[in-house]
Protein backbone atom coordinates (compact mmCIF):
# COMPACT_ATOMS: atom_id res chain seq x y z
CA UNK A 1 115.42 352.47 218.58
CA UNK A 2 115.25 355.25 215.44
CA UNK A 3 112.43 354.00 212.89
CA UNK A 4 113.23 352.44 209.30
CA UNK A 5 112.82 355.20 206.54
CA UNK A 6 109.77 354.30 204.46
CA UNK A 7 107.45 356.40 203.08
CA UNK A 8 108.37 359.93 201.43
CA UNK A 9 110.37 362.60 203.59
CA UNK A 10 107.43 364.70 203.99
CA UNK A 11 104.77 361.87 205.77
CA UNK A 12 107.67 361.31 207.91
CA UNK A 13 108.50 364.97 208.65
CA UNK A 14 104.69 365.34 209.30
CA UNK A 15 104.53 362.40 211.87
CA UNK A 16 107.81 363.61 213.93
CA UNK A 17 106.06 366.89 214.04
CA UNK A 18 103.19 365.73 215.51
CA UNK A 19 105.25 363.73 218.07
CA UNK A 20 106.78 367.14 219.39
CA UNK A 21 103.28 368.84 219.38
CA UNK A 22 102.09 365.92 221.49
CA UNK A 23 105.22 365.79 223.47
CA UNK A 24 104.50 369.38 224.51
CA UNK A 25 100.64 370.19 224.56
CA UNK A 26 100.00 366.73 226.74
CA UNK A 27 103.30 366.30 228.92
CA UNK A 28 105.37 369.78 228.65
CA UNK A 29 108.15 368.32 227.34
CA UNK A 30 109.28 371.09 225.45
CA UNK A 31 112.32 369.75 222.59
CA UNK A 32 113.53 373.54 221.80
CA UNK A 33 114.55 374.33 225.39
CA UNK A 34 116.17 371.01 225.80
CA UNK A 35 118.63 372.24 223.34
CA UNK A 36 117.34 369.19 220.95
CA UNK A 37 115.30 368.46 218.13
CA UNK A 38 114.07 365.34 216.34
CA UNK A 39 114.31 364.80 212.33
CA UNK A 40 115.44 361.31 209.91
CA UNK A 41 118.51 360.00 211.11
CA UNK A 42 120.61 359.03 207.78
CA UNK A 43 122.29 355.89 209.59
CA UNK A 44 118.45 354.51 211.19
CA UNK A 45 115.08 357.00 210.66
CA UNK A 46 114.37 358.96 213.42
CA UNK A 47 116.78 360.42 215.68
CA UNK A 48 117.82 363.13 217.84
CA UNK A 49 119.68 365.97 217.47
CA UNK A 50 121.54 368.76 219.66
CA UNK A 51 120.31 372.67 218.45
CA UNK A 52 123.13 373.85 221.08
CA UNK A 53 125.90 373.14 222.51
CA UNK A 54 124.96 370.15 225.82
CA UNK A 55 128.19 369.12 228.06
CA UNK A 56 128.28 366.06 230.39
CA UNK A 57 125.67 365.96 232.70
CA UNK A 58 122.58 367.96 230.21
CA UNK A 59 119.45 366.26 229.63
CA UNK A 60 119.05 363.86 226.79
CA UNK A 61 115.54 362.87 226.78
CA UNK A 62 113.09 363.08 229.32
CA UNK A 63 109.20 361.59 229.49
CA UNK A 64 106.83 362.28 232.70
CA UNK A 65 105.18 359.51 234.28
CA UNK A 66 102.06 360.22 233.13
CA UNK A 67 103.64 359.84 229.35
CA UNK A 68 104.98 356.39 230.19
CA UNK A 69 103.12 353.87 228.38
CA UNK A 70 102.61 350.27 230.02
CA UNK A 71 100.14 347.31 230.39
CA UNK A 72 99.22 348.36 233.73
CA UNK A 73 98.00 351.86 232.59
CA UNK A 74 95.80 350.28 229.48
CA UNK A 75 94.48 348.05 231.90
CA UNK A 76 92.71 351.10 233.10
CA UNK A 77 91.24 351.62 230.05
CA UNK A 78 88.21 351.00 228.42
CA UNK A 79 89.49 349.28 225.86
CA UNK A 80 91.97 347.40 228.42
CA UNK A 81 89.35 346.05 230.66
CA UNK A 82 86.78 344.98 227.58
CA UNK A 83 89.74 343.02 226.03
CA UNK A 84 90.28 341.53 229.35
CA UNK A 85 87.18 340.67 229.93
CA UNK A 86 86.77 338.89 226.64
CA UNK A 87 89.97 337.01 226.71
CA UNK A 88 89.78 335.98 230.34
CA UNK A 89 90.06 332.29 229.45
CA UNK A 90 92.69 332.76 227.26
CA UNK A 91 95.49 334.02 230.18
CA UNK A 92 96.52 337.09 228.80
CA UNK A 93 99.63 338.53 229.46
CA UNK A 94 99.92 341.77 230.42
CA UNK A 95 102.79 342.65 227.26
CA UNK A 96 99.87 341.29 225.28
CA UNK A 97 97.56 343.20 226.06
CA UNK A 98 100.05 346.41 225.53
CA UNK A 99 100.34 345.15 221.52
CA UNK A 100 96.75 345.02 221.54
CA UNK A 101 96.50 348.31 222.79
CA UNK A 102 99.62 350.15 220.38
CA UNK A 103 97.53 348.10 217.06
CA UNK A 104 94.15 349.28 217.88
CA UNK A 105 95.71 352.73 219.18
CA UNK A 106 97.40 354.17 216.18
CA UNK A 107 94.41 353.49 214.22
CA UNK A 108 92.12 355.53 215.86
CA UNK A 109 91.99 359.77 216.62
CA UNK A 110 93.90 361.16 219.36
CA UNK A 111 90.33 361.72 221.52
CA UNK A 112 89.85 358.00 221.34
CA UNK A 113 93.61 356.96 222.50
CA UNK A 114 95.91 359.68 224.05
CA UNK A 115 98.98 358.37 222.87
CA UNK A 116 98.12 357.98 218.86
CA UNK A 117 100.72 360.65 217.73
CA UNK A 118 103.51 358.55 219.67
CA UNK A 119 102.31 355.60 218.23
CA UNK A 120 102.30 356.81 214.66
CA UNK A 121 105.39 357.83 215.42
CA UNK A 122 106.93 354.80 215.77
CA UNK A 123 108.27 352.54 212.88
CA UNK A 124 106.08 352.28 210.00
CA UNK A 125 106.96 348.42 209.13
CA UNK A 126 107.84 345.67 211.57
CA UNK A 127 111.77 346.49 213.13
CA UNK A 128 112.83 342.80 213.87
CA UNK A 129 111.65 341.92 210.03
CA UNK A 130 115.10 339.83 209.37
CA UNK A 131 113.45 337.43 212.11
CA UNK A 132 110.04 337.01 210.77
CA UNK A 133 110.14 335.68 207.02
CA UNK A 134 111.88 338.23 205.46
CA UNK A 135 113.63 337.12 201.92
CA UNK A 136 116.10 339.44 201.64
CA UNK A 137 117.37 338.32 205.10
CA UNK A 138 116.83 334.56 205.04
CA UNK A 139 119.16 333.57 203.09
CA UNK A 140 121.58 334.86 204.98
CA UNK A 141 120.51 333.65 207.85
CA UNK A 142 121.05 330.39 207.34
CA UNK A 143 122.75 328.30 209.55
CA UNK A 144 122.95 330.36 212.19
CA UNK A 145 121.68 330.82 215.33
CA UNK A 146 119.01 333.09 214.88
CA UNK A 147 117.47 330.73 212.01
CA UNK A 148 116.33 328.31 213.88
CA UNK A 149 115.50 330.47 216.86
CA UNK A 150 113.28 332.94 214.57
CA UNK A 151 111.41 329.71 212.92
CA UNK A 152 110.61 328.59 216.70
CA UNK A 153 109.57 332.15 217.87
CA UNK A 154 107.46 332.64 214.44
CA UNK A 155 105.75 329.69 214.74
CA UNK A 156 104.94 330.38 218.72
CA UNK A 157 103.85 333.60 218.01
CA UNK A 158 101.56 332.76 215.33
CA UNK A 159 99.83 330.25 216.98
CA UNK A 160 99.21 332.67 220.19
CA UNK A 161 97.81 335.19 217.67
CA UNK A 162 95.38 333.01 216.05
CA UNK A 163 93.89 331.75 219.34
CA UNK A 164 93.76 335.18 220.80
CA UNK A 165 91.97 336.18 217.22
CA UNK A 166 89.58 333.53 217.22
CA UNK A 167 88.46 334.43 220.79
CA UNK A 168 87.82 338.49 219.66
CA UNK A 169 86.04 337.13 216.47
CA UNK A 170 83.93 334.98 217.97
CA UNK A 171 82.86 337.57 220.82
CA UNK A 172 82.12 340.07 217.70
CA UNK A 173 84.73 342.36 219.36
CA UNK A 174 84.45 346.01 216.62
CA UNK A 175 87.94 346.54 215.81
CA UNK A 176 88.88 342.38 215.39
CA UNK A 177 89.76 342.84 211.85
CA UNK A 178 92.72 345.61 212.89
CA UNK A 179 94.43 342.47 214.39
CA UNK A 180 96.40 341.22 211.19
CA UNK A 181 99.48 338.68 212.15
CA UNK A 182 101.50 341.18 210.66
CA UNK A 183 100.22 343.47 213.23
CA UNK A 184 100.41 341.84 215.91
CA UNK A 185 104.30 341.35 214.61
CA UNK A 186 104.86 344.99 214.11
CA UNK A 187 103.36 345.71 217.86
CA UNK A 188 105.84 342.91 218.99
CA UNK A 189 108.59 343.82 217.97
CA UNK A 190 107.98 347.92 218.55
CA UNK A 191 107.59 346.46 222.18
CA UNK A 192 110.91 344.48 222.36
CA UNK A 193 113.10 346.86 220.95
CA UNK A 194 112.10 349.91 222.52
CA UNK A 195 110.44 349.20 225.77
CA UNK A 196 112.51 349.54 228.74
CA UNK A 197 112.78 347.17 231.72
CA UNK A 198 110.16 347.30 234.55
CA UNK A 199 112.76 346.14 237.39
CA UNK A 200 114.43 349.90 236.08
CA UNK A 201 111.50 351.51 237.69
CA UNK A 202 110.53 352.31 241.54
CA UNK A 203 108.31 349.45 242.54
CA UNK A 204 104.50 349.93 242.13
CA UNK A 205 105.64 352.94 239.61
CA UNK A 206 104.32 350.39 236.43
CA UNK A 207 100.75 349.37 237.90
CA UNK A 208 99.75 346.55 240.28
CA UNK A 209 103.56 344.39 240.49
CA UNK A 210 100.73 341.48 239.57
CA UNK A 211 100.28 342.47 236.14
CA UNK A 212 102.92 344.83 235.01
CA UNK A 213 105.04 344.73 231.53
CA UNK A 214 108.56 346.88 230.16
CA UNK A 215 107.86 350.68 229.28
CA UNK A 216 107.44 352.84 226.19
CA UNK A 217 109.39 355.49 227.50
CA UNK A 218 108.17 358.05 224.29
CA UNK A 219 111.02 360.38 223.12
CA UNK A 220 113.73 357.99 225.17
CA UNK A 221 113.07 355.63 222.75
CA UNK A 222 113.66 358.14 219.64
CA UNK A 223 117.37 358.01 220.63
CA UNK A 224 120.02 355.83 218.36
CA UNK A 225 122.39 353.22 220.03
CA UNK A 226 126.32 353.95 219.80
CA UNK A 227 128.62 351.89 221.24
CA UNK A 228 130.78 354.54 222.41
CA UNK A 229 127.83 356.62 224.39
CA UNK A 230 128.15 357.73 227.81
CA UNK A 231 124.96 358.07 229.26
CA UNK A 232 123.27 357.78 232.73
CA UNK A 233 119.16 356.48 233.48
CA UNK A 234 117.38 358.35 235.96
CA UNK A 235 114.23 356.14 236.41
CA UNK A 236 112.06 357.83 239.35
CA UNK A 237 108.00 357.81 240.51
CA UNK A 238 107.84 360.96 238.35
CA UNK A 239 109.67 360.64 235.27
CA UNK A 240 112.27 358.60 233.30
CA UNK A 241 115.39 360.98 231.92
CA UNK A 242 118.27 360.03 229.92
CA UNK A 243 121.17 362.33 231.11
CA UNK A 244 124.58 362.83 229.84
CA UNK A 245 127.38 361.12 231.97
CA UNK A 246 128.90 363.73 234.15
CA UNK A 247 131.99 361.32 233.93
CA UNK A 248 131.29 362.02 229.95
CA UNK A 249 134.67 363.15 228.11
CA UNK A 250 133.30 366.01 226.08
CA UNK A 251 129.42 366.73 224.69
CA UNK A 252 127.52 367.27 221.40
CA UNK A 253 127.73 370.29 219.18
CA UNK A 254 124.92 371.79 217.52
CA UNK A 255 123.82 370.02 214.37
CA UNK A 256 125.51 366.12 216.63
CA UNK A 257 123.13 363.49 216.59
CA UNK A 258 122.45 362.67 220.24
CA UNK A 259 122.97 358.94 221.28
CA UNK A 260 122.57 356.47 224.09
CA UNK A 261 123.71 352.98 224.47
CA UNK A 262 121.44 350.00 224.03
CA UNK A 263 123.31 347.82 225.82
CA UNK A 264 127.23 346.88 226.92
CA UNK A 265 129.41 344.59 224.90
CA UNK A 266 126.38 343.84 221.94
CA UNK A 267 127.69 342.11 218.85
CA UNK A 268 125.20 341.69 215.87
CA UNK A 269 123.74 338.79 216.94
CA UNK A 270 122.04 341.01 219.94
CA UNK A 271 121.71 343.78 217.70
CA UNK A 272 119.76 342.06 214.92
CA UNK A 273 117.71 339.82 217.51
CA UNK A 274 116.64 342.48 219.81
CA UNK A 275 116.90 345.95 217.72
CA UNK A 276 116.60 345.02 214.07
CA UNK A 277 120.06 345.94 212.94
CA UNK A 278 123.66 345.16 212.79
CA UNK A 279 126.91 347.63 212.76
CA UNK A 280 129.90 347.20 210.18
CA UNK A 281 132.76 345.48 211.68
CA UNK A 282 131.40 345.27 215.00
CA UNK A 283 134.18 344.66 217.83
CA UNK A 284 131.85 342.77 219.83
CA UNK A 285 130.91 340.37 217.54
CA UNK A 286 131.64 336.53 218.86
CA UNK A 287 130.61 332.95 218.72
CA UNK A 288 129.29 330.76 221.61
CA UNK A 289 129.02 327.85 220.22
CA UNK A 290 130.74 325.47 218.14
CA UNK A 291 128.90 321.92 216.53
CA UNK A 292 130.90 319.09 216.38
CA UNK A 293 129.85 315.61 214.72
CA UNK A 294 131.03 312.56 216.16
CA UNK A 295 133.36 310.22 214.33
CA UNK A 296 131.73 308.26 212.13
CA UNK A 297 130.54 304.67 213.59
CA UNK A 298 130.46 306.43 216.91
CA UNK A 299 127.76 304.28 218.86
CA UNK A 300 124.91 305.74 220.64
CA UNK A 301 126.01 304.59 224.32
CA UNK A 302 129.81 306.16 223.14
CA UNK A 303 128.55 309.45 222.08
CA UNK A 304 126.38 309.62 225.60
CA UNK A 305 129.81 308.31 227.34
CA UNK A 306 131.87 311.26 225.74
CA UNK A 307 129.51 313.80 226.44
CA UNK A 308 129.18 312.90 229.94
CA UNK A 309 133.28 313.13 230.18
CA UNK A 310 133.36 316.94 228.12
CA UNK A 311 130.80 317.57 231.31
CA UNK A 312 132.82 316.70 233.83
CA UNK A 313 135.79 317.90 232.55
CA UNK A 314 134.91 321.48 231.48
CA UNK A 315 131.66 322.19 233.91
CA UNK A 316 132.15 326.20 232.78
CA UNK A 317 130.85 324.93 229.25
CA UNK A 318 127.28 323.74 228.23
CA UNK A 319 127.50 321.03 226.03
CA UNK A 320 124.39 319.23 224.63
CA UNK A 321 123.59 316.36 222.50
CA UNK A 322 121.39 318.49 219.16
CA UNK A 323 121.17 315.80 217.12
CA UNK A 324 122.75 311.37 216.75
CA UNK A 325 126.29 312.36 216.52
CA UNK A 326 126.17 315.91 216.86
CA UNK A 327 127.27 317.57 220.00
CA UNK A 328 126.56 321.42 220.55
CA UNK A 329 129.33 322.77 223.37
CA UNK A 330 128.53 326.34 224.59
CA UNK A 331 131.90 328.02 225.67
CA UNK A 332 132.78 330.18 228.38
CA UNK A 333 133.99 332.60 226.82
CA UNK A 334 132.60 333.04 223.19
CA UNK A 335 135.66 332.79 220.21
CA UNK A 336 136.29 336.68 218.33
CA UNK A 337 137.91 338.17 215.37
CA UNK A 338 141.18 337.75 214.87
CA UNK A 339 142.22 334.93 217.43
CA UNK A 340 145.73 334.15 217.32
CA UNK A 341 145.72 331.16 219.58
CA UNK A 342 142.74 328.30 220.07
CA UNK A 343 141.52 328.35 223.53
CA UNK A 344 142.13 325.46 225.32
CA UNK A 345 138.88 324.66 226.18
CA UNK A 346 138.15 324.39 222.54
CA UNK A 347 141.04 321.97 222.35
CA UNK A 348 139.60 319.90 225.28
CA UNK A 349 136.25 319.85 224.05
CA UNK A 350 137.47 318.48 220.87
CA UNK A 351 139.41 315.86 222.04
CA UNK A 352 137.09 314.61 224.07
CA UNK A 353 134.50 314.24 221.71
CA UNK A 354 136.75 313.34 218.92
CA UNK A 355 139.02 310.41 220.83
CA UNK A 356 137.50 310.12 224.01
CA UNK A 357 140.96 311.66 226.00
CA UNK A 358 141.53 314.67 227.76
CA UNK A 359 143.74 317.45 226.56
CA UNK A 360 146.79 318.81 228.60
CA UNK A 361 147.99 321.82 227.03
CA UNK A 362 151.14 321.41 228.99
CA UNK A 363 151.95 317.65 228.93
CA UNK A 364 150.37 317.32 225.51
CA UNK A 365 152.75 315.37 223.09
CA UNK A 366 152.83 316.95 219.49
CA UNK A 367 150.84 314.11 217.94
CA UNK A 368 147.80 314.56 220.39
CA UNK A 369 148.31 319.01 220.18
CA UNK A 370 148.00 318.15 215.80
CA UNK A 371 144.71 315.38 216.68
CA UNK A 372 143.08 318.08 218.94
CA UNK A 373 143.74 321.21 216.59
CA UNK A 374 142.58 318.94 213.81
CA UNK A 375 139.19 318.65 215.18
CA UNK A 376 138.87 321.49 216.09
CA UNK A 377 139.54 323.23 213.19
CA UNK A 378 136.74 320.13 210.95
CA UNK A 379 134.48 321.35 213.42
CA UNK A 380 134.66 325.40 212.49
CA UNK A 381 135.40 324.47 208.81
CA UNK A 382 132.10 322.59 208.98
CA UNK A 383 130.08 325.20 210.43
CA UNK A 384 131.49 327.89 207.82
CA UNK A 385 130.30 325.74 205.26
CA UNK A 386 126.84 325.44 207.29
CA UNK A 387 126.55 329.47 206.37
CA UNK A 388 125.25 331.23 203.71
CA UNK A 389 127.97 333.09 204.18
CA UNK A 390 130.37 330.50 203.74
CA UNK A 391 128.35 328.84 200.39
CA UNK A 392 129.22 332.17 199.19
CA UNK A 393 132.58 332.09 199.60
CA UNK A 394 134.33 331.80 195.83
CA UNK A 395 136.17 328.60 195.27
CA UNK A 396 138.76 330.93 193.86
CA UNK A 397 139.05 332.13 197.58
CA UNK A 398 139.77 328.55 199.09
CA UNK A 399 142.59 327.02 196.35
CA UNK A 400 144.49 330.95 196.92
CA UNK A 401 144.02 330.20 200.90
CA UNK A 402 145.38 326.48 200.71
CA UNK A 403 148.24 327.78 197.82
CA UNK A 404 149.05 330.47 200.76
CA UNK A 405 149.30 327.63 203.35
CA UNK A 406 151.67 325.90 201.82
CA UNK A 407 153.79 328.59 200.37
CA UNK A 408 154.21 329.18 204.87
CA UNK A 409 155.48 325.76 205.79
CA UNK A 410 158.66 327.01 205.21
CA UNK A 411 158.31 329.97 207.30
CA UNK A 412 156.81 327.42 210.16
CA UNK A 413 159.21 325.41 209.94
CA UNK A 414 161.54 327.97 210.95
CA UNK A 415 160.08 329.46 213.56
CA UNK A 416 159.57 326.32 214.87
CA UNK A 417 163.69 325.82 215.23
CA UNK A 418 164.14 329.10 216.37
CA UNK A 419 161.69 328.04 219.08
CA UNK A 420 158.96 331.10 218.30
CA UNK A 421 155.37 330.66 217.66
CA UNK A 422 154.29 332.27 214.40
CA UNK A 423 150.66 331.92 213.31
CA UNK A 424 149.27 332.57 209.98
CA UNK A 425 149.18 335.59 207.58
CA UNK A 426 145.21 336.16 207.19
CA UNK A 427 144.35 338.70 204.56
CA UNK A 428 141.67 340.66 204.96
CA UNK A 429 138.01 339.14 204.45
CA UNK A 430 136.87 339.95 201.12
CA UNK A 431 133.14 342.71 202.13
CA UNK A 432 129.73 341.39 202.24
CA UNK A 433 128.11 341.51 199.01
CA UNK A 434 125.14 343.99 198.99
CA UNK A 435 121.83 343.14 199.87
CA UNK A 436 118.31 344.31 199.12
CA UNK A 437 117.14 346.66 201.56
CA UNK A 438 118.13 347.86 205.47
CA UNK A 439 116.48 344.52 206.77
CA UNK A 440 118.62 342.20 204.05
CA UNK A 441 122.13 344.81 204.41
CA UNK A 442 121.52 344.14 208.43
CA UNK A 443 121.62 339.93 208.46
CA UNK A 444 124.09 340.54 205.73
CA UNK A 445 126.76 342.39 208.15
CA UNK A 446 125.53 339.67 210.43
CA UNK A 447 126.51 336.38 208.73
CA UNK A 448 129.28 337.83 207.51
CA UNK A 449 130.50 338.73 211.19
CA UNK A 450 129.80 335.49 212.10
CA UNK A 451 131.79 334.07 209.05
CA UNK A 452 135.27 335.81 209.77
CA UNK A 453 134.84 334.61 213.41
CA UNK A 454 135.19 331.06 211.87
CA UNK A 455 137.58 331.42 209.21
CA UNK A 456 139.90 333.25 211.94
CA UNK A 457 139.43 330.67 214.20
CA UNK A 458 139.55 327.54 211.74
CA UNK A 459 142.23 328.97 210.21
CA UNK A 460 144.36 329.40 213.57
CA UNK A 461 143.86 326.16 214.17
CA UNK A 462 144.86 324.86 211.29
CA UNK A 463 147.98 326.40 211.35
CA UNK A 464 148.21 324.92 215.06
CA UNK A 465 147.67 321.65 213.77
CA UNK A 466 150.53 322.01 210.93
CA UNK A 467 153.35 323.25 213.83
CA UNK A 468 152.44 320.47 215.64
CA UNK A 469 152.75 317.66 212.54
CA UNK A 470 155.60 320.04 211.53
CA UNK A 471 157.42 319.73 215.47
CA UNK A 472 156.54 315.70 215.16
CA UNK A 473 158.33 315.15 212.02
CA UNK A 474 161.39 317.16 213.03
CA UNK A 475 161.36 315.37 216.98
CA UNK A 476 161.10 312.25 214.80
CA UNK A 477 164.05 313.17 212.68
CA UNK A 478 166.28 314.37 215.26
CA UNK A 479 165.23 310.59 216.77
CA UNK A 480 166.36 308.66 213.91
CA UNK A 481 169.81 310.89 213.69
CA UNK A 482 170.69 310.06 217.38
CA UNK A 483 170.34 305.93 216.85
CA UNK A 484 172.25 306.33 213.91
CA UNK A 485 174.91 307.34 216.00
CA UNK A 486 174.85 305.42 218.90
CA UNK A 487 174.92 302.16 216.59
CA UNK A 488 177.73 303.72 214.33
CA UNK A 489 179.39 304.14 217.66
CA UNK A 490 178.91 300.31 218.90
CA UNK A 491 180.14 299.70 215.69
CA UNK A 492 183.36 301.15 215.86
CA UNK A 493 183.58 299.78 219.72
CA UNK A 494 183.23 296.37 218.15
CA UNK A 495 186.00 296.86 216.17
């Protein structure tokens, strides 16, 4: 949740200093007593660093309940009362009131907005700019699930903002000029990427249960993410705290950056959509949905029958007709990197959609195995071609892959004869090309991680199809030799 670096270092340092002074003066939170300090992080703008050794059980961040900002608290301010009255006919959501207050508050003097120093410590730019039409990221998101979701979200927010702003302008609200659409997206993105869920807090601690939002916890939200961080969250009626877990192995030394865990098992799709950044070689990346184009000439009634058969055979997956002739299948367990065997669930879905027949991994013939694997590989390659990262692959790389596959046929045949399973040897994918700015790099990392999963899964399915084809050919050859031997024996008997 750290701030993306923007502006010069002096300005950023001043904002950090003002925020730390606000914590101490207004809420008696002394970072020095906790053995912590706030400064620029090499990874993502502001970060929290240890100034002394911190062991298990140490407090990594805290804020009293009076410093927590949420819709229930804004509702009691003069600003909140005025806005709720003006927008009474708009059914203003609690979080929307909070966003408007965030926009207004960062432009006010401290005496008008008690949270001014905190609001000015937040990122200066939209933390989720990658999803809001940023040119550097839009080309990378093309063809990914985030692209369509981002467009729909942007349209929805633009319409909502226009309606609210029209009412504020008609009623002559004095600060209506502050609430641009860019400012609206900034406030919403800061809220989405930093707020802690209201369910984590004791009942009633965030105001009226009928009008509550998630909560912004100053200082707690300054800790950056590390998937190995071991922390405990403590939310009481009096304060919110992050502790180094009592079961943590080791701790922090002076100078170390202190981290928290935004969520277990977060892949880059979740990190980018919720927090605005991606991690290189994220082990939690996965592709959850596979798109299948039905065979040409499939009638609408036949498509409906195959979709119904798929849903009946695989109740754990979510299958949807996204467009005429296009079925999307959300797997119960997504595809991950370095897959060495195509999931049976995916093979069954491919067989049901391609041929209308279910696939039994134990009873399937070599031809059925080949057809299911080929249909799976075709779907995955189609998805790969539809992404910007897939289009960016050099043609020479594809030719090399084809040549390498031909060279492995003899190895595959030998493996079949010896009864061993042989998977293709896949070279590491090329690194993603440089992208302009942190937002572009985050989108590129996400797109290339997704590309690698699709590439590995398609290669695996293609290899399985080739193995099944070779096995079928060998079986036919053995059958032919046996038939010739029987015919020769019969001829000798006749003689």
